[in-house]
Amino acid sequence: MKAVVISLGGSVLTTFLEYPEKLNKFKRIIHEISRRYKIVLVVGGGSTARKYINVAKDFTENKSILDKIGIAATELNARFLIALLEDVYPKPIKTTDELLIALQNSNIVVCSGNEPGVSTDWDAALFADAIGAKLLINATRVDGIYDKNPTKNKDARIINRLTYSDFFELMKNQSSEPGNYPLFDLSAIKLLERSKIKLVVVNGLEPDNILKAALGKDVGSIVGE
């Protein structure tokens, strides 16, 4: 069975918590996709991570410590998803070795963050590379990739198709720090390019978009060769 990796933004998950109907729809869609593919679901820390990190910054400048706070938030979110989805691998996965074992025992595996200094998008790209997946779906709060930040610029335009190089150039000037990474990790883009893994960026607040991307339908923004 082929595999699909889904990088679920933590902010998408925390929004789902406020809307049970969307949470239940997300659950149904993940199980629907799992009837066709193995699913590796990597979840970010979202607002939970940012709240703790923003307060912790008043007490420490150690970015590794701040990153580890964010990683702990991703594990909390991952454990929630395991409880929500049911019939999945029973613990959050952090490494590629663990993932390969987990996929032998379950069609759905939920992963959390692991290494300081990178986002869960990097983890998702690394997992996709390790298992030979050819599709990574990045479920965010926006409709796709824009030529500028759509939350700050009303004239921002969505870009439906990009090469890896186009995406790298678009992202390279965006700064990142614990709890506040840009739309996608620069190092992750290079990894996707090396292994020719297609990236589809969709608005995950509408779970149907995740299903459409998994089925190869035209949705969001597509990054590839």
Protein backbone atom coordinates (compact mmCIF):
# COMPACT_ATOMS: atom_id res chain seq x y z
CA MET A 1 0.00 0.00 0.00
CA LYS A 2 1.31 3.48 -0.89
CA ALA A 3 1.81 6.11 1.80
CA VAL A 4 0.77 9.75 2.18
CA VAL A 5 2.31 12.11 4.72
CA ILE A 6 0.12 14.88 6.14
CA SER A 7 1.66 17.79 8.03
CA LEU A 8 -1.19 19.19 10.13
CA GLY A 9 -0.62 22.68 11.46
CA GLY A 10 -1.12 22.88 15.21
CA SER A 11 -3.22 26.00 14.70
CA VAL A 12 -5.56 23.99 12.46
CA LEU A 13 -6.00 21.39 15.18
CA THR A 14 -6.67 23.96 17.90
CA THR A 15 -9.32 25.55 15.64
CA PHE A 16 -10.91 22.11 15.20
CA LEU A 17 -11.25 21.90 18.98
CA GLU A 18 -13.69 24.83 18.82
CA TYR A 19 -15.79 23.24 16.07
CA PRO A 20 -16.68 19.59 16.85
CA GLU A 21 -18.32 19.12 13.45
CA LYS A 22 -15.02 19.90 11.69
CA LEU A 23 -13.12 17.65 14.08
CA ASN A 24 -15.44 14.75 13.35
CA LYS A 25 -15.25 15.40 9.61
CA PHE A 26 -11.46 15.42 9.81
CA LYS A 27 -11.61 12.05 11.59
CA ARG A 28 -13.87 10.57 8.89
CA ILE A 29 -11.63 11.84 6.10
CA ILE A 30 -8.43 10.47 7.63
CA HIS A 31 -10.03 7.03 7.90
CA GLU A 32 -11.35 7.32 4.34
CA ILE A 33 -7.86 8.09 3.02
CA SER A 34 -6.44 5.20 5.08
CA ARG A 35 -8.52 2.76 3.04
CA ARG A 36 -6.33 3.67 0.05
CA TYR A 37 -3.00 4.64 1.60
CA LYS A 38 -0.89 4.30 4.70
CA ILE A 39 -1.09 7.68 6.51
CA VAL A 40 1.69 9.37 8.43
CA LEU A 41 0.14 12.31 10.27
CA VAL A 42 2.63 14.85 11.67
CA VAL A 43 1.15 17.53 13.94
CA GLY A 44 2.57 20.90 14.97
CA GLY A 45 2.39 22.66 18.33
CA GLY A 46 0.15 25.57 17.30
CA SER A 47 -1.11 28.13 19.80
CA THR A 48 -0.37 25.81 22.72
CA ALA A 49 3.34 25.94 21.89
CA ARG A 50 3.31 29.68 21.22
CA LYS A 51 1.65 30.54 24.55
CA TYR A 52 4.26 28.72 26.59
CA ILE A 53 7.19 29.84 24.43
CA ASN A 54 6.19 33.51 24.48
CA VAL A 55 6.09 33.50 28.29
CA ALA A 56 9.28 31.43 28.57
CA LYS A 57 11.17 33.99 26.46
CA ASP A 58 10.95 36.36 29.44
CA PHE A 59 13.03 33.90 31.46
CA THR A 60 15.45 32.30 29.01
CA GLU A 61 17.15 33.09 25.71
CA ASN A 62 18.16 29.48 25.16
CA LYS A 63 16.48 28.58 21.86
CA SER A 64 17.01 24.87 22.39
CA ILE A 65 14.96 25.03 25.59
CA LEU A 66 12.26 27.01 23.81
CA ASP A 67 12.22 24.50 20.97
CA LYS A 68 11.82 21.64 23.44
CA ILE A 69 8.78 23.38 24.90
CA GLY A 70 7.33 23.47 21.40
CA ILE A 71 8.17 19.80 20.86
CA ALA A 72 6.31 18.92 24.07
CA ALA A 73 3.24 20.74 22.70
CA THR A 74 3.43 18.70 19.49
CA GLU A 75 3.41 15.50 21.55
CA LEU A 76 0.34 16.69 23.46
CA ASN A 77 -1.44 17.35 20.15
CA ALA A 78 -0.30 13.99 18.79
CA ARG A 79 -1.69 12.14 21.79
CA PHE A 80 -5.00 13.93 21.34
CA LEU A 81 -5.16 12.85 17.69
CA ILE A 82 -4.45 9.24 18.68
CA ALA A 83 -7.39 9.39 21.08
CA LEU A 84 -9.59 11.03 18.44
CA LEU A 85 -8.84 8.75 15.52
CA GLU A 86 -8.91 5.36 17.27
CA ASP A 87 -7.57 2.22 15.57
CA VAL A 88 -4.19 3.89 15.07
CA TYR A 89 -0.68 3.19 16.33
CA PRO A 90 -0.98 3.78 20.10
CA LYS A 91 1.85 6.26 20.72
CA PRO A 92 3.38 9.31 19.01
CA ILE A 93 6.31 8.51 16.75
CA LYS A 94 9.46 10.65 16.80
CA THR A 95 12.06 8.89 14.64
CA THR A 96 12.25 7.25 11.23
CA ASP A 97 13.21 3.90 12.76
CA GLU A 98 10.13 3.97 14.98
CA LEU A 99 7.99 4.95 12.01
CA LEU A 100 9.06 2.03 9.86
CA ILE A 101 8.10 -0.38 12.64
CA ALA A 102 4.80 1.39 13.36
CA LEU A 103 3.69 1.25 9.71
CA GLN A 104 4.03 -2.53 9.78
CA ASN A 105 1.34 -2.60 12.45
CA SER A 106 -1.05 0.22 11.55
CA ASN A 107 -2.40 2.09 8.53
CA ILE A 108 -2.41 5.38 10.48
CA VAL A 109 0.56 6.62 12.47
CA VAL A 110 0.64 9.96 14.32
CA CYS A 111 3.99 11.72 14.78
CA SER A 112 5.16 14.60 16.95
CA GLY A 113 8.20 16.87 16.75
CA ASN A 114 11.61 15.57 17.73
CA GLU A 115 14.68 17.72 17.05
CA PRO A 116 15.22 21.32 18.25
CA GLY A 117 15.87 23.88 15.53
CA VAL A 118 13.44 22.57 12.91
CA SER A 119 9.69 22.64 12.38
CA THR A 120 7.36 19.68 12.12
CA ASP A 121 7.30 20.34 8.37
CA TRP A 122 10.94 19.23 8.34
CA ASP A 123 9.96 16.13 10.31
CA ALA A 124 7.18 15.44 7.80
CA ALA A 125 9.59 15.76 4.85
CA LEU A 126 12.11 13.50 6.59
CA PHE A 127 9.44 10.86 7.27
CA ALA A 128 8.19 11.05 3.68
CA ASP A 129 11.73 10.51 2.42
CA ALA A 130 12.34 7.59 4.82
CA ILE A 131 9.25 5.63 3.74
CA GLY A 132 9.38 6.48 0.04
CA ALA A 133 6.18 8.55 0.03
CA LYS A 134 5.70 10.68 -3.07
CA LEU A 135 3.10 13.07 -1.62
CA LEU A 136 3.26 15.42 1.36
CA ILE A 137 0.12 17.40 2.17
CA ASN A 138 0.67 20.54 4.24
CA ALA A 139 -2.64 21.42 5.92
CA THR A 140 -2.51 25.07 7.01
CA ARG A 141 -4.87 27.95 7.80
CA VAL A 142 -4.52 29.54 4.34
CA ASP A 143 -5.67 28.40 0.90
CA GLY A 144 -2.19 27.75 -0.47
CA ILE A 145 1.06 29.53 -1.25
CA TYR A 146 0.87 33.28 -1.85
CA ASP A 147 3.33 35.74 -3.34
CA LYS A 148 3.26 37.57 0.02
CA ASN A 149 1.77 36.99 3.46
CA PRO A 150 -2.02 36.96 2.89
CA THR A 151 -2.76 37.71 6.55
CA LYS A 152 -0.92 41.04 6.25
CA ASN A 153 -1.41 41.95 2.59
CA LYS A 154 -4.87 42.20 1.06
CA ASP A 155 -3.40 42.21 -2.45
CA ALA A 156 -1.59 38.89 -1.95
CA ARG A 157 -2.09 36.47 -4.86
CA ILE A 158 -2.22 32.70 -4.60
CA ILE A 159 0.27 30.73 -6.70
CA ASN A 160 -1.24 27.43 -7.79
CA ARG A 161 1.89 25.74 -9.14
CA LEU A 162 5.57 26.22 -8.30
CA THR A 163 8.84 24.42 -8.81
CA TYR A 164 10.92 23.58 -5.75
CA SER A 165 13.30 26.39 -6.72
CA ASP A 166 10.43 28.88 -7.01
CA PHE A 167 9.20 27.94 -3.54
CA PHE A 168 12.68 28.13 -2.02
CA GLU A 169 13.23 31.61 -3.46
CA LEU A 170 9.85 32.74 -2.13
CA MET A 171 10.57 31.45 1.37
CA LYS A 172 14.29 32.15 1.80
CA ASN A 173 13.94 35.65 3.29
CA GLN A 174 11.42 34.63 5.94
CA SER A 175 12.84 34.42 9.45
CA SER A 176 12.05 31.61 11.87
CA GLU A 177 12.27 31.13 15.60
CA PRO A 178 10.85 28.72 18.19
CA GLY A 179 7.05 28.68 18.01
CA ASN A 180 6.96 30.84 14.89
CA TYR A 181 8.21 29.07 11.80
CA PRO A 182 7.32 30.30 8.29
CA LEU A 183 4.91 28.52 5.96
CA PHE A 184 7.47 25.81 5.21
CA ASP A 185 10.97 24.89 6.34
CA LEU A 186 13.70 25.82 3.82
CA SER A 187 15.71 22.68 4.55
CA ALA A 188 12.55 20.63 4.05
CA ILE A 189 12.07 22.10 0.57
CA LYS A 190 15.54 20.91 -0.43
CA LEU A 191 14.81 17.44 0.93
CA LEU A 192 11.56 17.25 -1.04
CA GLU A 193 13.37 18.35 -4.20
CA ARG A 194 16.12 15.75 -3.74
CA SER A 195 13.63 12.92 -3.42
CA LYS A 196 11.05 14.32 -5.88
CA ILE A 197 8.26 14.37 -3.29
CA LYS A 198 5.28 16.47 -4.37
CA LEU A 199 4.08 19.03 -1.84
CA VAL A 200 0.47 20.20 -1.81
CA VAL A 201 -0.37 23.14 0.47
CA VAL A 202 -4.08 23.33 1.32
CA ASN A 203 -6.45 25.02 3.73
CA GLY A 204 -6.81 22.31 6.34
CA LEU A 205 -9.65 24.13 8.10
CA GLU A 206 -11.81 22.57 5.39
CA PRO A 207 -10.98 18.87 5.79
CA ASP A 208 -12.35 18.05 2.32
CA ASN A 209 -9.25 19.78 0.91
CA ILE A 210 -7.04 17.14 2.53
CA LEU A 211 -9.06 14.39 0.88
CA LYS A 212 -8.94 16.12 -2.51
CA ALA A 213 -5.16 16.47 -2.29
CA ALA A 214 -4.75 12.82 -1.33
CA LEU A 215 -6.85 11.78 -4.32
CA GLY A 216 -4.78 13.91 -6.70
CA LYS A 217 -7.47 16.51 -7.36
CA ASP A 218 -6.59 20.13 -8.17
CA VAL A 219 -6.63 22.01 -4.86
CA GLY A 220 -4.43 24.53 -3.08
CA SER A 221 -0.87 25.04 -4.30
CA ILE A 222 1.32 22.31 -5.75
CA VAL A 223 5.12 22.28 -5.51
CA GLY A 224 7.02 19.86 -7.70
CA GLU A 225 9.31 19.44 -10.67
